Amino acid sequence: CFGTDPAETRTNAIDTRVDGLGPWTAL
């Protein structure tokens, strides 16, 4: 990504799960 250390090549990420939150989202 622009502005990061050029030596950094890892593209791993962590996302927040949203499945199973149907009742909360609907409410």
mmCIF file of all heavy atoms, coordinates in Angstrom:
data_MODEL
# 
_entry.id   MODEL 
# 
loop_
_atom_site.group_PDB 
_atom_site.id 
_atom_site.type_symbol 
_atom_site.label_atom_id 
_atom_site.label_alt_id 
_atom_site.label_comp_id 
_atom_site.label_asym_id 
_atom_site.label_entity_id 
_atom_site.label_seq_id 
_atom_site.pdbx_PDB_ins_code 
_atom_site.Cartn_x 
_atom_site.Cartn_y 
_atom_site.Cartn_z 
_atom_site.occupancy 
_atom_site.B_iso_or_equiv 
_atom_site.pdbx_formal_charge 
_atom_site.auth_seq_id 
_atom_site.auth_comp_id 
_atom_site.auth_asym_id 
_atom_site.auth_atom_id 
_atom_site.pdbx_PDB_model_num 
ATOM 1   N N   . CYS A 1 1  ? 0.832   -1.213  0.000  1.00 0.00 ? 1  CYS A N   1 
ATOM 2   C CA  . CYS A 1 1  ? 0.000   0.000   0.000  1.00 0.00 ? 1  CYS A CA  1 
ATOM 3   C C   . CYS A 1 1  ? 0.867   1.264   0.000  1.00 0.00 ? 1  CYS A C   1 
ATOM 4   O O   . CYS A 1 1  ? 1.982   1.274   0.543  1.00 0.00 ? 1  CYS A O   1 
ATOM 5   C CB  . CYS A 1 1  ? -0.906  0.019   1.236  1.00 0.00 ? 1  CYS A CB  1 
ATOM 6   S SG  . CYS A 1 1  ? -2.060  -1.366  1.307  1.00 0.00 ? 1  CYS A SG  1 
ATOM 7   N N   . PHE A 1 2  ? 0.367   2.316   -0.611 1.00 0.00 ? 2  PHE A N   1 
ATOM 8   C CA  . PHE A 1 2  ? 1.083   3.583   -0.681 1.00 0.00 ? 2  PHE A CA  1 
ATOM 9   C C   . PHE A 1 2  ? 1.394   4.075   0.732  1.00 0.00 ? 2  PHE A C   1 
ATOM 10  O O   . PHE A 1 2  ? 0.528   4.116   1.602  1.00 0.00 ? 2  PHE A O   1 
ATOM 11  C CB  . PHE A 1 2  ? 0.222   4.616   -1.407 1.00 0.00 ? 2  PHE A CB  1 
ATOM 12  C CG  . PHE A 1 2  ? 0.929   5.914   -1.690 1.00 0.00 ? 2  PHE A CG  1 
ATOM 13  C CD1 . PHE A 1 2  ? 1.605   6.097   -2.881 1.00 0.00 ? 2  PHE A CD1 1 
ATOM 14  C CD2 . PHE A 1 2  ? 0.902   6.950   -0.768 1.00 0.00 ? 2  PHE A CD2 1 
ATOM 15  C CE1 . PHE A 1 2  ? 2.245   7.294   -3.143 1.00 0.00 ? 2  PHE A CE1 1 
ATOM 16  C CE2 . PHE A 1 2  ? 1.547   8.142   -1.017 1.00 0.00 ? 2  PHE A CE2 1 
ATOM 17  C CZ  . PHE A 1 2  ? 2.230   8.331   -2.215 1.00 0.00 ? 2  PHE A CZ  1 
ATOM 18  N N   . GLY A 1 3  ? 2.658   4.408   0.964  1.00 0.00 ? 3  GLY A N   1 
ATOM 19  C CA  . GLY A 1 3  ? 3.055   4.967   2.243  1.00 0.00 ? 3  GLY A CA  1 
ATOM 20  C C   . GLY A 1 3  ? 3.542   3.951   3.251  1.00 0.00 ? 3  GLY A C   1 
ATOM 21  O O   . GLY A 1 3  ? 3.981   4.337   4.338  1.00 0.00 ? 3  GLY A O   1 
ATOM 22  N N   . THR A 1 4  ? 3.503   2.646   2.910  1.00 0.00 ? 4  THR A N   1 
ATOM 23  C CA  . THR A 1 4  ? 3.999   1.643   3.846  1.00 0.00 ? 4  THR A CA  1 
ATOM 24  C C   . THR A 1 4  ? 5.445   1.303   3.502  1.00 0.00 ? 4  THR A C   1 
ATOM 25  O O   . THR A 1 4  ? 5.964   1.663   2.438  1.00 0.00 ? 4  THR A O   1 
ATOM 26  C CB  . THR A 1 4  ? 3.156   0.363   3.777  1.00 0.00 ? 4  THR A CB  1 
ATOM 27  O OG1 . THR A 1 4  ? 3.197   -0.168  2.454  1.00 0.00 ? 4  THR A OG1 1 
ATOM 28  C CG2 . THR A 1 4  ? 1.717   0.646   4.154  1.00 0.00 ? 4  THR A CG2 1 
ATOM 29  N N   . ASP A 1 5  ? 6.104   0.585   4.393  1.00 0.00 ? 5  ASP A N   1 
ATOM 30  C CA  . ASP A 1 5  ? 7.483   0.153   4.181  1.00 0.00 ? 5  ASP A CA  1 
ATOM 31  C C   . ASP A 1 5  ? 7.546   -0.721  2.925  1.00 0.00 ? 5  ASP A C   1 
ATOM 32  O O   . ASP A 1 5  ? 6.831   -1.728  2.834  1.00 0.00 ? 5  ASP A O   1 
ATOM 33  C CB  . ASP A 1 5  ? 7.947   -0.637  5.408  1.00 0.00 ? 5  ASP A CB  1 
ATOM 34  C CG  . ASP A 1 5  ? 9.415   -1.030  5.329  1.00 0.00 ? 5  ASP A CG  1 
ATOM 35  O OD1 . ASP A 1 5  ? 10.002  -0.953  4.231  1.00 0.00 ? 5  ASP A OD1 1 
ATOM 36  O OD2 . ASP A 1 5  ? 9.956   -1.454  6.366  1.00 0.00 ? 5  ASP A OD2 1 
ATOM 37  N N   . PRO A 1 6  ? 8.366   -0.369  1.940  1.00 0.00 ? 6  PRO A N   1 
ATOM 38  C CA  . PRO A 1 6  ? 8.443   -1.177  0.709  1.00 0.00 ? 6  PRO A CA  1 
ATOM 39  C C   . PRO A 1 6  ? 8.810   -2.628  0.962  1.00 0.00 ? 6  PRO A C   1 
ATOM 40  O O   . PRO A 1 6  ? 8.492   -3.503  0.144  1.00 0.00 ? 6  PRO A O   1 
ATOM 41  C CB  . PRO A 1 6  ? 9.521   -0.463  -0.106 1.00 0.00 ? 6  PRO A CB  1 
ATOM 42  C CG  . PRO A 1 6  ? 9.521   0.939   0.409  1.00 0.00 ? 6  PRO A CG  1 
ATOM 43  C CD  . PRO A 1 6  ? 9.210   0.839   1.869  1.00 0.00 ? 6  PRO A CD  1 
ATOM 44  N N   . ALA A 1 7  ? 9.452   -2.892  2.108  1.00 0.00 ? 7  ALA A N   1 
ATOM 45  C CA  . ALA A 1 7  ? 9.837   -4.265  2.417  1.00 0.00 ? 7  ALA A CA  1 
ATOM 46  C C   . ALA A 1 7  ? 8.652   -5.103  2.906  1.00 0.00 ? 7  ALA A C   1 
ATOM 47  O O   . ALA A 1 7  ? 8.737   -6.336  2.963  1.00 0.00 ? 7  ALA A O   1 
ATOM 48  C CB  . ALA A 1 7  ? 10.937  -4.260  3.483  1.00 0.00 ? 7  ALA A CB  1 
ATOM 49  N N   . GLU A 1 8  ? 7.557   -4.429  3.261  1.00 0.00 ? 8  GLU A N   1 
ATOM 50  C CA  . GLU A 1 8  ? 6.375   -5.152  3.755  1.00 0.00 ? 8  GLU A CA  1 
ATOM 51  C C   . GLU A 1 8  ? 5.601   -5.711  2.564  1.00 0.00 ? 8  GLU A C   1 
ATOM 52  O O   . GLU A 1 8  ? 5.088   -4.969  1.722  1.00 0.00 ? 8  GLU A O   1 
ATOM 53  C CB  . GLU A 1 8  ? 5.493   -4.217  4.566  1.00 0.00 ? 8  GLU A CB  1 
ATOM 54  C CG  . GLU A 1 8  ? 4.239   -4.889  5.121  1.00 0.00 ? 8  GLU A CG  1 
ATOM 55  C CD  . GLU A 1 8  ? 4.577   -6.077  5.998  1.00 0.00 ? 8  GLU A CD  1 
ATOM 56  O OE1 . GLU A 1 8  ? 5.041   -5.854  7.138  1.00 0.00 ? 8  GLU A OE1 1 
ATOM 57  O OE2 . GLU A 1 8  ? 4.412   -7.227  5.518  1.00 0.00 ? 8  GLU A OE2 1 
ATOM 58  N N   . THR A 1 9  ? 5.508   -7.026  2.489  1.00 0.00 ? 9  THR A N   1 
ATOM 59  C CA  . THR A 1 9  ? 4.817   -7.677  1.371  1.00 0.00 ? 9  THR A CA  1 
ATOM 60  C C   . THR A 1 9  ? 3.604   -8.476  1.813  1.00 0.00 ? 9  THR A C   1 
ATOM 61  O O   . THR A 1 9  ? 2.877   -9.004  0.971  1.00 0.00 ? 9  THR A O   1 
ATOM 62  C CB  . THR A 1 9  ? 5.775   -8.620  0.633  1.00 0.00 ? 9  THR A CB  1 
ATOM 63  O OG1 . THR A 1 9  ? 6.242   -9.628  1.547  1.00 0.00 ? 9  THR A OG1 1 
ATOM 64  C CG2 . THR A 1 9  ? 6.954   -7.848  0.045  1.00 0.00 ? 9  THR A CG2 1 
ATOM 65  N N   . ARG A 1 10 ? 3.376   -8.566  3.111  1.00 0.00 ? 10 ARG A N   1 
ATOM 66  C CA  . ARG A 1 10 ? 2.258   -9.379  3.587  1.00 0.00 ? 10 ARG A CA  1 
ATOM 67  C C   . ARG A 1 10 ? 0.917   -8.709  3.283  1.00 0.00 ? 10 ARG A C   1 
ATOM 68  O O   . ARG A 1 10 ? 0.736   -7.524  3.513  1.00 0.00 ? 10 ARG A O   1 
ATOM 69  C CB  . ARG A 1 10 ? 2.389   -9.631  5.093  1.00 0.00 ? 10 ARG A CB  1 
ATOM 70  C CG  . ARG A 1 10 ? 3.512   -10.603 5.447  1.00 0.00 ? 10 ARG A CG  1 
ATOM 71  C CD  . ARG A 1 10 ? 3.760   -10.649 6.938  1.00 0.00 ? 10 ARG A CD  1 
ATOM 72  N NE  . ARG A 1 10 ? 4.313   -9.391  7.444  1.00 0.00 ? 10 ARG A NE  1 
ATOM 73  C CZ  . ARG A 1 10 ? 4.713   -9.198  8.701  1.00 0.00 ? 10 ARG A CZ  1 
ATOM 74  N NH1 . ARG A 1 10 ? 4.607   -10.189 9.580  1.00 0.00 ? 10 ARG A NH1 1 
ATOM 75  N NH2 . ARG A 1 10 ? 5.202   -8.037  9.086  1.00 0.00 ? 10 ARG A NH2 1 
ATOM 76  N N   . THR A 1 11 ? -0.023  -9.501  2.772  1.00 0.00 ? 11 THR A N   1 
ATOM 77  C CA  . THR A 1 11 ? -1.368  -8.994  2.440  1.00 0.00 ? 11 THR A CA  1 
ATOM 78  C C   . THR A 1 11 ? -2.429  -9.641  3.330  1.00 0.00 ? 11 THR A C   1 
ATOM 79  O O   . THR A 1 11 ? -3.613  -9.631  2.992  1.00 0.00 ? 11 THR A O   1 
ATOM 80  C CB  . THR A 1 11 ? -1.702  -9.254  0.962  1.00 0.00 ? 11 THR A CB  1 
ATOM 81  O OG1 . THR A 1 11 ? -1.633  -10.666 0.714  1.00 0.00 ? 11 THR A OG1 1 
ATOM 82  C CG2 . THR A 1 11 ? -0.733  -8.510  0.046  1.00 0.00 ? 11 THR A CG2 1 
ATOM 83  N N   . ASN A 1 12 ? -1.997  -10.182 4.454  1.00 0.00 ? 12 ASN A N   1 
ATOM 84  C CA  . ASN A 1 12 ? -2.959  -10.763 5.401  1.00 0.00 ? 12 ASN A CA  1 
ATOM 85  C C   . ASN A 1 12 ? -3.802  -9.655  6.041  1.00 0.00 ? 12 ASN A C   1 
ATOM 86  O O   . ASN A 1 12 ? -3.348  -8.521  6.181  1.00 0.00 ? 12 ASN A O   1 
ATOM 87  C CB  . ASN A 1 12 ? -2.234  -11.521 6.522  1.00 0.00 ? 12 ASN A CB  1 
ATOM 88  C CG  . ASN A 1 12 ? -1.245  -12.523 5.980  1.00 0.00 ? 12 ASN A CG  1 
ATOM 89  O OD1 . ASN A 1 12 ? -0.261  -12.130 5.350  1.00 0.00 ? 12 ASN A OD1 1 
ATOM 90  N ND2 . ASN A 1 12 ? -1.485  -13.790 6.222  1.00 0.00 ? 12 ASN A ND2 1 
ATOM 91  N N   . ALA A 1 13 ? -5.015  -10.021 6.435  1.00 0.00 ? 13 ALA A N   1 
ATOM 92  C CA  . ALA A 1 13 ? -5.895  -9.076  7.112  1.00 0.00 ? 13 ALA A CA  1 
ATOM 93  C C   . ALA A 1 13 ? -6.857  -9.831  8.018  1.00 0.00 ? 13 ALA A C   1 
ATOM 94  O O   . ALA A 1 13 ? -7.032  -11.051 7.887  1.00 0.00 ? 13 ALA A O   1 
ATOM 95  C CB  . ALA A 1 13 ? -6.673  -8.236  6.100  1.00 0.00 ? 13 ALA A CB  1 
ATOM 96  N N   . ILE A 1 14 ? -7.456  -9.092  8.920  1.00 0.00 ? 14 ILE A N   1 
ATOM 97  C CA  . ILE A 1 14 ? -8.471  -9.645  9.821  1.00 0.00 ? 14 ILE A CA  1 
ATOM 98  C C   . ILE A 1 14 ? -9.747  -8.842  9.634  1.00 0.00 ? 14 ILE A C   1 
ATOM 99  O O   . ILE A 1 14 ? -9.734  -7.612  9.739  1.00 0.00 ? 14 ILE A O   1 
ATOM 100 C CB  . ILE A 1 14 ? -8.026  -9.597  11.292 1.00 0.00 ? 14 ILE A CB  1 
ATOM 101 C CG1 . ILE A 1 14 ? -6.808  -10.503 11.503 1.00 0.00 ? 14 ILE A CG1 1 
ATOM 102 C CG2 . ILE A 1 14 ? -9.172  -10.021 12.214 1.00 0.00 ? 14 ILE A CG2 1 
ATOM 103 C CD1 . ILE A 1 14 ? -6.255  -10.456 12.915 1.00 0.00 ? 14 ILE A CD1 1 
ATOM 104 N N   . ASP A 1 15 ? -10.839 -9.538  9.343  1.00 0.00 ? 15 ASP A N   1 
ATOM 105 C CA  . ASP A 1 15 ? -12.147 -8.908  9.214  1.00 0.00 ? 15 ASP A CA  1 
ATOM 106 C C   . ASP A 1 15 ? -13.051 -9.347  10.356 1.00 0.00 ? 15 ASP A C   1 
ATOM 107 O O   . ASP A 1 15 ? -12.863 -10.417 10.945 1.00 0.00 ? 15 ASP A O   1 
ATOM 108 C CB  . ASP A 1 15 ? -12.798 -9.283  7.875  1.00 0.00 ? 15 ASP A CB  1 
ATOM 109 C CG  . ASP A 1 15 ? -12.328 -8.385  6.743  1.00 0.00 ? 15 ASP A CG  1 
ATOM 110 O OD1 . ASP A 1 15 ? -11.118 -8.111  6.674  1.00 0.00 ? 15 ASP A OD1 1 
ATOM 111 O OD2 . ASP A 1 15 ? -13.170 -7.970  5.935  1.00 0.00 ? 15 ASP A OD2 1 
ATOM 112 N N   . THR A 1 16 ? -14.034 -8.524  10.664 1.00 0.00 ? 16 THR A N   1 
ATOM 113 C CA  . THR A 1 16 ? -15.019 -8.849  11.698 1.00 0.00 ? 16 THR A CA  1 
ATOM 114 C C   . THR A 1 16 ? -16.161 -9.635  11.075 1.00 0.00 ? 16 THR A C   1 
ATOM 115 O O   . THR A 1 16 ? -16.729 -9.225  10.064 1.00 0.00 ? 16 THR A O   1 
ATOM 116 C CB  . THR A 1 16 ? -15.574 -7.562  12.330 1.00 0.00 ? 16 THR A CB  1 
ATOM 117 O OG1 . THR A 1 16 ? -14.491 -6.832  12.921 1.00 0.00 ? 16 THR A OG1 1 
ATOM 118 C CG2 . THR A 1 16 ? -16.610 -7.878  13.398 1.00 0.00 ? 16 THR A CG2 1 
ATOM 119 N N   . ARG A 1 17 ? -16.498 -10.754 11.669 1.00 0.00 ? 17 ARG A N   1 
ATOM 120 C CA  . ARG A 1 17 ? -17.635 -11.547 11.190 1.00 0.00 ? 17 ARG A CA  1 
ATOM 121 C C   . ARG A 1 17 ? -18.952 -10.806 11.448 1.00 0.00 ? 17 ARG A C   1 
ATOM 122 O O   . ARG A 1 17 ? -19.132 -10.192 12.498 1.00 0.00 ? 17 ARG A O   1 
ATOM 123 C CB  . ARG A 1 17 ? -17.687 -12.904 11.902 1.00 0.00 ? 17 ARG A CB  1 
ATOM 124 C CG  . ARG A 1 17 ? -16.744 -13.935 11.342 1.00 0.00 ? 17 ARG A CG  1 
ATOM 125 C CD  . ARG A 1 17 ? -16.846 -15.237 12.106 1.00 0.00 ? 17 ARG A CD  1 
ATOM 126 N NE  . ARG A 1 17 ? -18.190 -15.823 12.071 1.00 0.00 ? 17 ARG A NE  1 
ATOM 127 C CZ  . ARG A 1 17 ? -18.503 -16.994 12.639 1.00 0.00 ? 17 ARG A CZ  1 
ATOM 128 N NH1 . ARG A 1 17 ? -17.558 -17.684 13.266 1.00 0.00 ? 17 ARG A NH1 1 
ATOM 129 N NH2 . ARG A 1 17 ? -19.730 -17.449 12.560 1.00 0.00 ? 17 ARG A NH2 1 
ATOM 130 N N   . VAL A 1 18 ? -19.864 -10.923 10.475 1.00 0.00 ? 18 VAL A N   1 
ATOM 131 C CA  . VAL A 1 18 ? -21.188 -10.324 10.652 1.00 0.00 ? 18 VAL A CA  1 
ATOM 132 C C   . VAL A 1 18 ? -22.307 -11.359 10.567 1.00 0.00 ? 18 VAL A C   1 
ATOM 133 O O   . VAL A 1 18 ? -23.457 -11.061 10.909 1.00 0.00 ? 18 VAL A O   1 
ATOM 134 C CB  . VAL A 1 18 ? -21.450 -9.206  9.617  1.00 0.00 ? 18 VAL A CB  1 
ATOM 135 C CG1 . VAL A 1 18 ? -20.427 -8.100  9.772  1.00 0.00 ? 18 VAL A CG1 1 
ATOM 136 C CG2 . VAL A 1 18 ? -21.452 -9.753  8.199  1.00 0.00 ? 18 VAL A CG2 1 
ATOM 137 N N   . ASP A 1 19 ? -22.006 -12.574 10.069 1.00 0.00 ? 19 ASP A N   1 
ATOM 138 C CA  . ASP A 1 19 ? -23.031 -13.612 10.058 1.00 0.00 ? 19 ASP A CA  1 
ATOM 139 C C   . ASP A 1 19 ? -23.405 -13.954 11.498 1.00 0.00 ? 19 ASP A C   1 
ATOM 140 O O   . ASP A 1 19 ? -22.593 -13.817 12.417 1.00 0.00 ? 19 ASP A O   1 
ATOM 141 C CB  . ASP A 1 19 ? -22.511 -14.870 9.357  1.00 0.00 ? 19 ASP A CB  1 
ATOM 142 C CG  . ASP A 1 19 ? -21.341 -15.486 10.102 1.00 0.00 ? 19 ASP A CG  1 
ATOM 143 O OD1 . ASP A 1 19 ? -20.208 -14.986 9.925  1.00 0.00 ? 19 ASP A OD1 1 
ATOM 144 O OD2 . ASP A 1 19 ? -21.557 -16.429 10.884 1.00 0.00 ? 19 ASP A OD2 1 
ATOM 145 N N   . GLY A 1 20 ? -24.625 -14.383 11.717 1.00 0.00 ? 20 GLY A N   1 
ATOM 146 C CA  . GLY A 1 20 ? -25.075 -14.706 13.070 1.00 0.00 ? 20 GLY A CA  1 
ATOM 147 C C   . GLY A 1 20 ? -25.533 -13.493 13.857 1.00 0.00 ? 20 GLY A C   1 
ATOM 148 O O   . GLY A 1 20 ? -26.026 -13.625 14.981 1.00 0.00 ? 20 GLY A O   1 
ATOM 149 N N   . LEU A 1 21 ? -25.369 -12.311 13.270 1.00 0.00 ? 21 LEU A N   1 
ATOM 150 C CA  . LEU A 1 21 ? -25.802 -11.081 13.946 1.00 0.00 ? 21 LEU A CA  1 
ATOM 151 C C   . LEU A 1 21 ? -27.145 -10.604 13.404 1.00 0.00 ? 21 LEU A C   1 
ATOM 152 O O   . LEU A 1 21 ? -27.505 -9.436  13.572 1.00 0.00 ? 21 LEU A O   1 
ATOM 153 C CB  . LEU A 1 21 ? -24.753 -9.976  13.781 1.00 0.00 ? 21 LEU A CB  1 
ATOM 154 C CG  . LEU A 1 21 ? -23.359 -10.270 14.351 1.00 0.00 ? 21 LEU A CG  1 
ATOM 155 C CD1 . LEU A 1 21 ? -22.458 -9.059  14.179 1.00 0.00 ? 21 LEU A CD1 1 
ATOM 156 C CD2 . LEU A 1 21 ? -23.440 -10.665 15.818 1.00 0.00 ? 21 LEU A CD2 1 
ATOM 157 N N   . GLY A 1 22 ? -27.863 -11.504 12.755 1.00 0.00 ? 22 GLY A N   1 
ATOM 158 C CA  . GLY A 1 22 ? -29.150 -11.136 12.178 1.00 0.00 ? 22 GLY A CA  1 
ATOM 159 C C   . GLY A 1 22 ? -30.114 -10.513 13.160 1.00 0.00 ? 22 GLY A C   1 
ATOM 160 O O   . GLY A 1 22 ? -30.680 -9.442  12.881 1.00 0.00 ? 22 GLY A O   1 
ATOM 161 N N   . PRO A 1 23 ? -30.357 -11.136 14.336 1.00 0.00 ? 23 PRO A N   1 
ATOM 162 C CA  . PRO A 1 23 ? -31.295 -10.532 15.291 1.00 0.00 ? 23 PRO A CA  1 
ATOM 163 C C   . PRO A 1 23 ? -30.866 -9.131  15.735 1.00 0.00 ? 23 PRO A C   1 
ATOM 164 O O   . PRO A 1 23 ? -31.691 -8.220  15.817 1.00 0.00 ? 23 PRO A O   1 
ATOM 165 C CB  . PRO A 1 23 ? -31.290 -11.522 16.462 1.00 0.00 ? 23 PRO A CB  1 
ATOM 166 C CG  . PRO A 1 23 ? -30.921 -12.830 15.841 1.00 0.00 ? 23 PRO A CG  1 
ATOM 167 C CD  . PRO A 1 23 ? -29.938 -12.493 14.754 1.00 0.00 ? 23 PRO A CD  1 
ATOM 168 N N   . TRP A 1 24 ? -29.569 -8.971  16.003 1.00 0.00 ? 24 TRP A N   1 
ATOM 169 C CA  . TRP A 1 24 ? -29.095 -7.650  16.424 1.00 0.00 ? 24 TRP A CA  1 
ATOM 170 C C   . TRP A 1 24 ? -29.233 -6.636  15.301 1.00 0.00 ? 24 TRP A C   1 
ATOM 171 O O   . TRP A 1 24 ? -29.740 -5.531  15.494 1.00 0.00 ? 24 TRP A O   1 
ATOM 172 C CB  . TRP A 1 24 ? -27.633 -7.747  16.867 1.00 0.00 ? 24 TRP A CB  1 
ATOM 173 C CG  . TRP A 1 24 ? -26.998 -6.430  17.201 1.00 0.00 ? 24 TRP A CG  1 
ATOM 174 C CD1 . TRP A 1 24 ? -27.193 -5.681  18.327 1.00 0.00 ? 24 TRP A CD1 1 
ATOM 175 C CD2 . TRP A 1 24 ? -26.080 -5.691  16.382 1.00 0.00 ? 24 TRP A CD2 1 
ATOM 176 N NE1 . TRP A 1 24 ? -26.444 -4.529  18.266 1.00 0.00 ? 24 TRP A NE1 1 
ATOM 177 C CE2 . TRP A 1 24 ? -25.741 -4.508  17.093 1.00 0.00 ? 24 TRP A CE2 1 
ATOM 178 C CE3 . TRP A 1 24 ? -25.497 -5.916  15.136 1.00 0.00 ? 24 TRP A CE3 1 
ATOM 179 C CZ2 . TRP A 1 24 ? -24.864 -3.563  16.582 1.00 0.00 ? 24 TRP A CZ2 1 
ATOM 180 C CZ3 . TRP A 1 24 ? -24.616 -4.979  14.616 1.00 0.00 ? 24 TRP A CZ3 1 
ATOM 181 C CH2 . TRP A 1 24 ? -24.315 -3.814  15.341 1.00 0.00 ? 24 TRP A CH2 1 
ATOM 182 N N   . THR A 1 25 ? -28.810 -7.021  14.104 1.00 0.00 ? 25 THR A N   1 
ATOM 183 C CA  . THR A 1 25 ? -28.898 -6.110  12.965 1.00 0.00 ? 25 THR A CA  1 
ATOM 184 C C   . THR A 1 25 ? -30.345 -5.743  12.671 1.00 0.00 ? 25 THR A C   1 
ATOM 185 O O   . THR A 1 25 ? -30.681 -4.575  12.441 1.00 0.00 ? 25 THR A O   1 
ATOM 186 C CB  . THR A 1 25 ? -28.266 -6.747  11.721 1.00 0.00 ? 25 THR A CB  1 
ATOM 187 O OG1 . THR A 1 25 ? -26.916 -7.113  12.017 1.00 0.00 ? 25 THR A OG1 1 
ATOM 188 C CG2 . THR A 1 25 ? -28.283 -5.788  10.542 1.00 0.00 ? 25 THR A CG2 1 
ATOM 189 N N   . ALA A 1 26 ? -31.210 -6.760  12.690 1.00 0.00 ? 26 ALA A N   1 
ATOM 190 C CA  . ALA A 1 26 ? -32.625 -6.498  12.411 1.00 0.00 ? 26 ALA A CA  1 
ATOM 191 C C   . ALA A 1 26 ? -33.233 -5.582  13.457 1.00 0.00 ? 26 ALA A C   1 
ATOM 192 O O   . ALA A 1 26 ? -34.033 -4.690  13.141 1.00 0.00 ? 26 ALA A O   1 
ATOM 193 C CB  . ALA A 1 26 ? -33.395 -7.818  12.358 1.00 0.00 ? 26 ALA A CB  1 
ATOM 194 N N   . LEU A 1 27 ? -32.850 -5.774  14.705 1.00 0.00 ? 27 LEU A N   1 
ATOM 195 C CA  . LEU A 1 27 ? -33.402 -4.945  15.781 1.00 0.00 ? 27 LEU A CA  1 
ATOM 196 C C   . LEU A 1 27 ? -32.958 -3.496  15.638 1.00 0.00 ? 27 LEU A C   1 
ATOM 197 O O   . LEU A 1 27 ? -33.754 -2.570  15.766 1.00 0.00 ? 27 LEU A O   1 
ATOM 198 C CB  . LEU A 1 27 ? -32.978 -5.503  17.137 1.00 0.00 ? 27 LEU A CB  1 
ATOM 199 C CG  . LEU A 1 27 ? -33.575 -4.822  18.367 1.00 0.00 ? 27 LEU A CG  1 
ATOM 200 C CD1 . LEU A 1 27 ? -35.087 -4.879  18.326 1.00 0.00 ? 27 LEU A CD1 1 
ATOM 201 C CD2 . LEU A 1 27 ? -33.052 -5.477  19.630 1.00 0.00 ? 27 LEU A CD2 1 
# 
